[in-house]
Amino acid sequence: MENLKTIVKGTTAKLSFVCAGKIYYHIETEKHLYQLEIKSMDEELKTTYMEKSIRQLHLCAGFEKGLRIQTIHLFN
């Protein structure tokens, strides 16, 4: 897995799907494809509009939290 700075610099998170109260974004770097899982029922997200495509920099806090709680999945 690449470091956080490499993952967020110049990448875009693209909405993959929504299921069981979770939003899944895919983030593709030169080396890997990551899936970020966000719990849409969290209090801070109840009034947040989630875009189909987000510059990864804007999801940096969520991505960093995901790394800590193991909701980032590496596909390749």
C-alpha atoms as a PDB file:
ATOM      1  CA  MET A   1       0.000   0.000   0.000  1.00  0.00           C
ATOM      2  CA  GLU A   2       1.247   3.469  -0.885  1.00  0.00           C
ATOM      3  CA  ASN A   3       1.552   6.244   1.670  1.00  0.00           C
ATOM      4  CA  LEU A   4      -1.330   8.663   2.179  1.00  0.00           C
ATOM      5  CA  LYS A   5       0.394  11.575   0.420  1.00  0.00           C
ATOM      6  CA  THR A   6       0.952   9.492  -2.717  1.00  0.00           C
ATOM      7  CA  ILE A   7      -2.655   8.281  -2.711  1.00  0.00           C
ATOM      8  CA  VAL A   8      -4.298  11.702  -2.353  1.00  0.00           C
ATOM      9  CA  LYS A   9      -2.027  13.797  -4.569  1.00  0.00           C
ATOM     10  CA  GLY A  10      -3.755  14.432  -7.879  1.00  0.00           C
ATOM     11  CA  THR A  11      -6.204  11.524  -7.680  1.00  0.00           C
ATOM     12  CA  THR A  12      -9.987  11.438  -7.848  1.00  0.00           C
ATOM     13  CA  ALA A  13     -12.295   9.222  -5.813  1.00  0.00           C
ATOM     14  CA  LYS A  14     -15.139   7.866  -7.941  1.00  0.00           C
ATOM     15  CA  LEU A  15     -18.410   6.630  -6.477  1.00  0.00           C
ATOM     16  CA  SER A  16     -18.598   2.893  -6.997  1.00  0.00           C
ATOM     17  CA  PHE A  17     -21.790   1.865  -5.189  1.00  0.00           C
ATOM     18  CA  VAL A  18     -23.939   2.329  -2.078  1.00  0.00           C
ATOM     19  CA  CYS A  19     -25.062  -0.634   0.015  1.00  0.00           C
ATOM     20  CA  ALA A  20     -26.306  -1.246   3.571  1.00  0.00           C
ATOM     21  CA  GLY A  21     -25.707   2.322   4.749  1.00  0.00           C
ATOM     22  CA  LYS A  22     -22.195   2.489   3.326  1.00  0.00           C
ATOM     23  CA  ILE A  23     -20.807   4.494   0.415  1.00  0.00           C
ATOM     24  CA  TYR A  24     -17.942   2.975  -1.567  1.00  0.00           C
ATOM     25  CA  TYR A  25     -15.465   5.042  -3.563  1.00  0.00           C
ATOM     26  CA  HIS A  26     -12.670   3.757  -5.789  1.00  0.00           C
ATOM     27  CA  ILE A  27      -9.366   5.608  -5.891  1.00  0.00           C
ATOM     28  CA  GLU A  28      -6.882   4.663  -8.588  1.00  0.00           C
ATOM     29  CA  THR A  29      -3.202   5.554  -8.414  1.00  0.00           C
ATOM     30  CA  GLU A  30      -0.467   4.615 -10.865  1.00  0.00           C
ATOM     31  CA  LYS A  31       0.208   1.412  -8.907  1.00  0.00           C
ATOM     32  CA  HIS A  32      -3.007   0.379  -7.155  1.00  0.00           C
ATOM     33  CA  LEU A  33      -6.784   0.535  -6.999  1.00  0.00           C
ATOM     34  CA  TYR A  34      -8.224   1.269  -3.538  1.00  0.00           C
ATOM     35  CA  GLN A  35     -11.758   1.081  -2.233  1.00  0.00           C
ATOM     36  CA  LEU A  36     -12.778   3.485   0.511  1.00  0.00           C
ATOM     37  CA  GLU A  37     -15.781   2.498   2.624  1.00  0.00           C
ATOM     38  CA  ILE A  38     -17.670   5.351   4.305  1.00  0.00           C
ATOM     39  CA  LYS A  39     -20.508   4.754   6.770  1.00  0.00           C
ATOM     40  CA  SER A  40     -23.207   7.099   5.511  1.00  0.00           C
ATOM     41  CA  MET A  41     -25.122   6.881   8.780  1.00  0.00           C
ATOM     42  CA  ASP A  42     -22.372   8.617  10.768  1.00  0.00           C
ATOM     43  CA  GLU A  43     -23.669  11.842  12.348  1.00  0.00           C
ATOM     44  CA  GLU A  44     -21.203  14.027  10.430  1.00  0.00           C
ATOM     45  CA  LEU A  45     -22.432  12.668   7.072  1.00  0.00           C
ATOM     46  CA  LYS A  46     -26.190  12.850   7.621  1.00  0.00           C
ATOM     47  CA  THR A  47     -26.350  16.296   6.030  1.00  0.00           C
ATOM     48  CA  THR A  48     -23.485  15.890   3.559  1.00  0.00           C
ATOM     49  CA  TYR A  49     -24.067  15.627  -0.177  1.00  0.00           C
ATOM     50  CA  MET A  50     -21.741  13.000  -1.612  1.00  0.00           C
ATOM     51  CA  GLU A  51     -20.573  13.672  -5.163  1.00  0.00           C
ATOM     52  CA  LYS A  52     -20.080  11.008  -7.864  1.00  0.00           C
ATOM     53  CA  SER A  53     -16.509  12.111  -8.280  1.00  0.00           C
ATOM     54  CA  ILE A  54     -14.446  13.872  -5.630  1.00  0.00           C
ATOM     55  CA  ARG A  55     -10.871  15.045  -5.736  1.00  0.00           C
ATOM     56  CA  GLN A  56      -9.224  12.663  -3.323  1.00  0.00           C
ATOM     57  CA  LEU A  57      -7.752  15.580  -1.393  1.00  0.00           C
ATOM     58  CA  HIS A  58     -11.263  16.391  -0.118  1.00  0.00           C
ATOM     59  CA  LEU A  59     -11.635  12.844   1.213  1.00  0.00           C
ATOM     60  CA  CYS A  60      -8.236  12.900   2.859  1.00  0.00           C
ATOM     61  CA  ALA A  61      -9.607  12.912   6.409  1.00  0.00           C
ATOM     62  CA  GLY A  62     -11.953  10.033   5.635  1.00  0.00           C
ATOM     63  CA  PHE A  63      -9.198   8.141   3.912  1.00  0.00           C
ATOM     64  CA  GLU A  64      -6.852   8.631   6.842  1.00  0.00           C
ATOM     65  CA  LYS A  65      -9.581   7.458   9.255  1.00  0.00           C
ATOM     66  CA  GLY A  66     -10.242   4.489   6.971  1.00  0.00           C
ATOM     67  CA  LEU A  67      -6.603   3.486   7.117  1.00  0.00           C
ATOM     68  CA  ARG A  68      -6.781   3.506  10.923  1.00  0.00           C
ATOM     69  CA  ILE A  69      -9.996   1.475  11.185  1.00  0.00           C
ATOM     70  CA  GLN A  70      -9.266  -0.851   8.246  1.00  0.00           C
ATOM     71  CA  THR A  71     -12.019   0.262   5.825  1.00  0.00           C
ATOM     72  CA  ILE A  72      -9.585   0.780   2.956  1.00  0.00           C
ATOM     73  CA  HIS A  73      -9.298  -2.197   0.665  1.00  0.00           C
ATOM     74  CA  LEU A  74      -6.466  -2.684  -1.810  1.00  0.00           C
ATOM     75  CA  PHE A  75      -7.556  -4.399  -5.048  1.00  0.00           C
ATOM     76  CA  ASN A  76      -4.319  -4.661  -6.999  1.00  0.00           C
END
